[in-house]
Amino acid sequence: MSRTITVEGMSCGHCEQSVTDALEGVEGVESATADRESESATVEGDADTDALVSAVNEAGYDASA
């Protein structure tokens, strides 16, 4: 299953990688891609949406589903 969450605060490629790494650390995530221009991240897998948002917030960015 694919889902997209909103991520604010990414300003560079390093930010995108930090968000991607945070999301890929969540149980159930098969792959993740962050895009600073669209202020979003797309996740493949069956991870809990709240867990995805929490992981991004803990990485220092503002996420919402």
N, C-alpha and C. Protein backbone atom coordinates (compact mmCIF):
# COMPACT_ATOMS: atom_id res chain seq x y z
N MET A 1 0.84 -1.18 0.00
CA MET A 1 0.00 0.00 0.00
C MET A 1 0.89 1.24 0.00
N SER A 2 0.50 2.21 -0.79
CA SER A 2 1.24 3.46 -0.88
C SER A 2 0.46 4.57 -0.19
N ARG A 3 1.16 5.41 0.52
CA ARG A 3 0.52 6.58 1.13
C ARG A 3 1.47 7.74 1.12
N THR A 4 0.92 8.94 1.16
CA THR A 4 1.72 10.16 1.15
C THR A 4 1.41 10.96 2.40
N ILE A 5 2.45 11.45 3.04
CA ILE A 5 2.26 12.33 4.19
C ILE A 5 2.90 13.68 3.87
N THR A 6 2.42 14.71 4.52
CA THR A 6 2.96 16.06 4.36
C THR A 6 4.14 16.22 5.30
N VAL A 7 5.23 16.78 4.76
CA VAL A 7 6.43 17.03 5.57
C VAL A 7 6.90 18.45 5.30
N GLU A 8 6.88 19.28 6.32
CA GLU A 8 7.35 20.65 6.19
C GLU A 8 8.70 20.79 6.86
N GLY A 9 9.53 21.69 6.33
CA GLY A 9 10.81 21.99 6.95
C GLY A 9 12.01 21.43 6.22
N MET A 10 11.80 20.71 5.13
CA MET A 10 12.93 20.20 4.35
C MET A 10 13.42 21.32 3.43
N SER A 11 14.74 21.57 3.45
CA SER A 11 15.27 22.66 2.63
C SER A 11 16.40 22.22 1.70
N CYS A 12 16.83 20.96 1.79
CA CYS A 12 17.95 20.50 0.97
C CYS A 12 17.89 18.99 0.79
N GLY A 13 18.82 18.49 0.01
CA GLY A 13 18.88 17.05 -0.23
C GLY A 13 19.17 16.27 1.04
N HIS A 14 19.97 16.84 1.93
CA HIS A 14 20.26 16.17 3.20
C HIS A 14 18.98 16.01 4.02
N CYS A 15 18.13 17.04 3.99
CA CYS A 15 16.85 16.96 4.70
C CYS A 15 16.00 15.82 4.15
N GLU A 16 15.94 15.74 2.82
CA GLU A 16 15.17 14.66 2.18
C GLU A 16 15.69 13.30 2.63
N GLN A 17 17.01 13.16 2.68
CA GLN A 17 17.59 11.88 3.09
C GLN A 17 17.30 11.59 4.55
N SER A 18 17.33 12.60 5.40
CA SER A 18 17.03 12.41 6.82
C SER A 18 15.59 11.91 7.01
N VAL A 19 14.66 12.51 6.27
CA VAL A 19 13.26 12.09 6.36
C VAL A 19 13.10 10.67 5.81
N THR A 20 13.73 10.39 4.69
CA THR A 20 13.67 9.05 4.10
C THR A 20 14.21 8.02 5.08
N ASP A 21 15.35 8.30 5.69
CA ASP A 21 15.95 7.37 6.65
C ASP A 21 15.03 7.15 7.85
N ALA A 22 14.43 8.22 8.34
CA ALA A 22 13.52 8.10 9.48
C ALA A 22 12.33 7.21 9.13
N LEU A 23 11.78 7.42 7.95
CA LEU A 23 10.62 6.62 7.54
C LEU A 23 11.00 5.16 7.31
N GLU A 24 12.15 4.92 6.72
CA GLU A 24 12.57 3.55 6.46
C GLU A 24 12.88 2.79 7.74
N GLY A 25 13.05 3.50 8.84
CA GLY A 25 13.28 2.85 10.13
C GLY A 25 12.01 2.41 10.82
N VAL A 26 10.85 2.74 10.25
CA VAL A 26 9.57 2.37 10.85
C VAL A 26 9.19 0.96 10.40
N GLU A 27 8.77 0.15 11.34
CA GLU A 27 8.36 -1.22 11.02
C GLU A 27 7.22 -1.22 10.00
N GLY A 28 7.37 -2.04 8.98
CA GLY A 28 6.34 -2.16 7.95
C GLY A 28 6.61 -1.33 6.71
N VAL A 29 7.63 -0.47 6.74
CA VAL A 29 7.96 0.35 5.58
C VAL A 29 8.85 -0.46 4.64
N GLU A 30 8.42 -0.59 3.39
CA GLU A 30 9.22 -1.28 2.38
C GLU A 30 10.16 -0.30 1.68
N SER A 31 9.68 0.90 1.42
CA SER A 31 10.51 1.95 0.82
C SER A 31 9.87 3.30 1.11
N ALA A 32 10.69 4.35 1.05
CA ALA A 32 10.20 5.71 1.30
C ALA A 32 10.99 6.68 0.45
N THR A 33 10.32 7.75 0.02
CA THR A 33 10.96 8.80 -0.75
C THR A 33 10.41 10.15 -0.29
N ALA A 34 11.30 11.07 0.06
CA ALA A 34 10.89 12.41 0.48
C ALA A 34 11.18 13.39 -0.65
N ASP A 35 10.33 14.41 -0.78
CA ASP A 35 10.49 15.43 -1.81
C ASP A 35 10.25 16.80 -1.20
N ARG A 36 11.33 17.58 -1.09
CA ARG A 36 11.21 18.90 -0.44
C ARG A 36 10.36 19.86 -1.25
N GLU A 37 10.38 19.75 -2.57
CA GLU A 37 9.62 20.69 -3.40
C GLU A 37 8.11 20.52 -3.22
N SER A 38 7.66 19.28 -3.07
CA SER A 38 6.23 19.05 -2.87
C SER A 38 5.86 19.00 -1.39
N GLU A 39 6.88 19.13 -0.52
CA GLU A 39 6.69 19.04 0.93
C GLU A 39 5.93 17.78 1.31
N SER A 40 6.40 16.65 0.77
CA SER A 40 5.73 15.39 1.04
C SER A 40 6.71 14.23 1.05
N ALA A 41 6.23 13.11 1.55
CA ALA A 41 6.98 11.86 1.50
C ALA A 41 6.00 10.76 1.12
N THR A 42 6.45 9.88 0.26
CA THR A 42 5.63 8.75 -0.17
C THR A 42 6.23 7.48 0.41
N VAL A 43 5.37 6.67 1.00
CA VAL A 43 5.81 5.46 1.68
C VAL A 43 5.09 4.26 1.10
N GLU A 44 5.85 3.19 0.84
CA GLU A 44 5.29 1.91 0.42
C GLU A 44 5.38 0.96 1.60
N GLY A 45 4.31 0.23 1.85
CA GLY A 45 4.30 -0.74 2.93
C GLY A 45 3.04 -0.60 3.78
N ASP A 46 3.01 -1.35 4.86
CA ASP A 46 1.82 -1.37 5.70
C ASP A 46 2.06 -0.78 7.08
N ALA A 47 2.98 0.17 7.17
CA ALA A 47 3.27 0.82 8.46
C ALA A 47 2.10 1.67 8.91
N ASP A 48 1.98 1.82 10.21
CA ASP A 48 0.95 2.65 10.82
C ASP A 48 1.23 4.13 10.52
N THR A 49 0.21 4.85 10.08
CA THR A 49 0.37 6.26 9.72
C THR A 49 0.88 7.09 10.90
N ASP A 50 0.37 6.85 12.08
CA ASP A 50 0.82 7.60 13.26
C ASP A 50 2.30 7.36 13.53
N ALA A 51 2.77 6.14 13.29
CA ALA A 51 4.18 5.82 13.49
C ALA A 51 5.05 6.57 12.47
N LEU A 52 4.55 6.71 11.25
CA LEU A 52 5.29 7.45 10.22
C LEU A 52 5.42 8.91 10.60
N VAL A 53 4.31 9.51 11.01
CA VAL A 53 4.31 10.92 11.41
C VAL A 53 5.23 11.12 12.60
N SER A 54 5.17 10.24 13.57
CA SER A 54 6.02 10.36 14.76
C SER A 54 7.50 10.27 14.40
N ALA A 55 7.86 9.35 13.51
CA ALA A 55 9.25 9.19 13.11
C ALA A 55 9.79 10.46 12.46
N VAL A 56 9.00 11.07 11.60
CA VAL A 56 9.44 12.29 10.93
C VAL A 56 9.53 13.44 11.93
N ASN A 57 8.56 13.54 12.82
CA ASN A 57 8.60 14.59 13.83
C ASN A 57 9.83 14.43 14.73
N GLU A 58 10.16 13.20 15.10
CA GLU A 58 11.32 12.94 15.94
C GLU A 58 12.62 13.29 15.21
N ALA A 59 12.59 13.22 13.88
CA ALA A 59 13.78 13.58 13.09
C ALA A 59 13.93 15.09 12.94
N GLY A 60 12.95 15.85 13.45
CA GLY A 60 13.08 17.31 13.45
C GLY A 60 12.28 18.04 12.40
N TYR A 61 11.35 17.35 11.77
CA TYR A 61 10.52 17.97 10.72
C TYR A 61 9.07 17.91 11.15
N ASP A 62 8.24 18.70 10.51
CA ASP A 62 6.82 18.79 10.87
C ASP A 62 6.02 17.94 9.89
N ALA A 63 5.51 16.82 10.36
CA ALA A 63 4.77 15.89 9.50
C ALA A 63 3.31 15.81 9.92
N SER A 64 2.46 15.55 8.93
CA SER A 64 1.05 15.29 9.19
C SER A 64 0.52 14.36 8.11
N ALA A 65 -0.52 13.63 8.47
CA ALA A 65 -1.10 12.67 7.52
C ALA A 65 -2.21 13.30 6.72
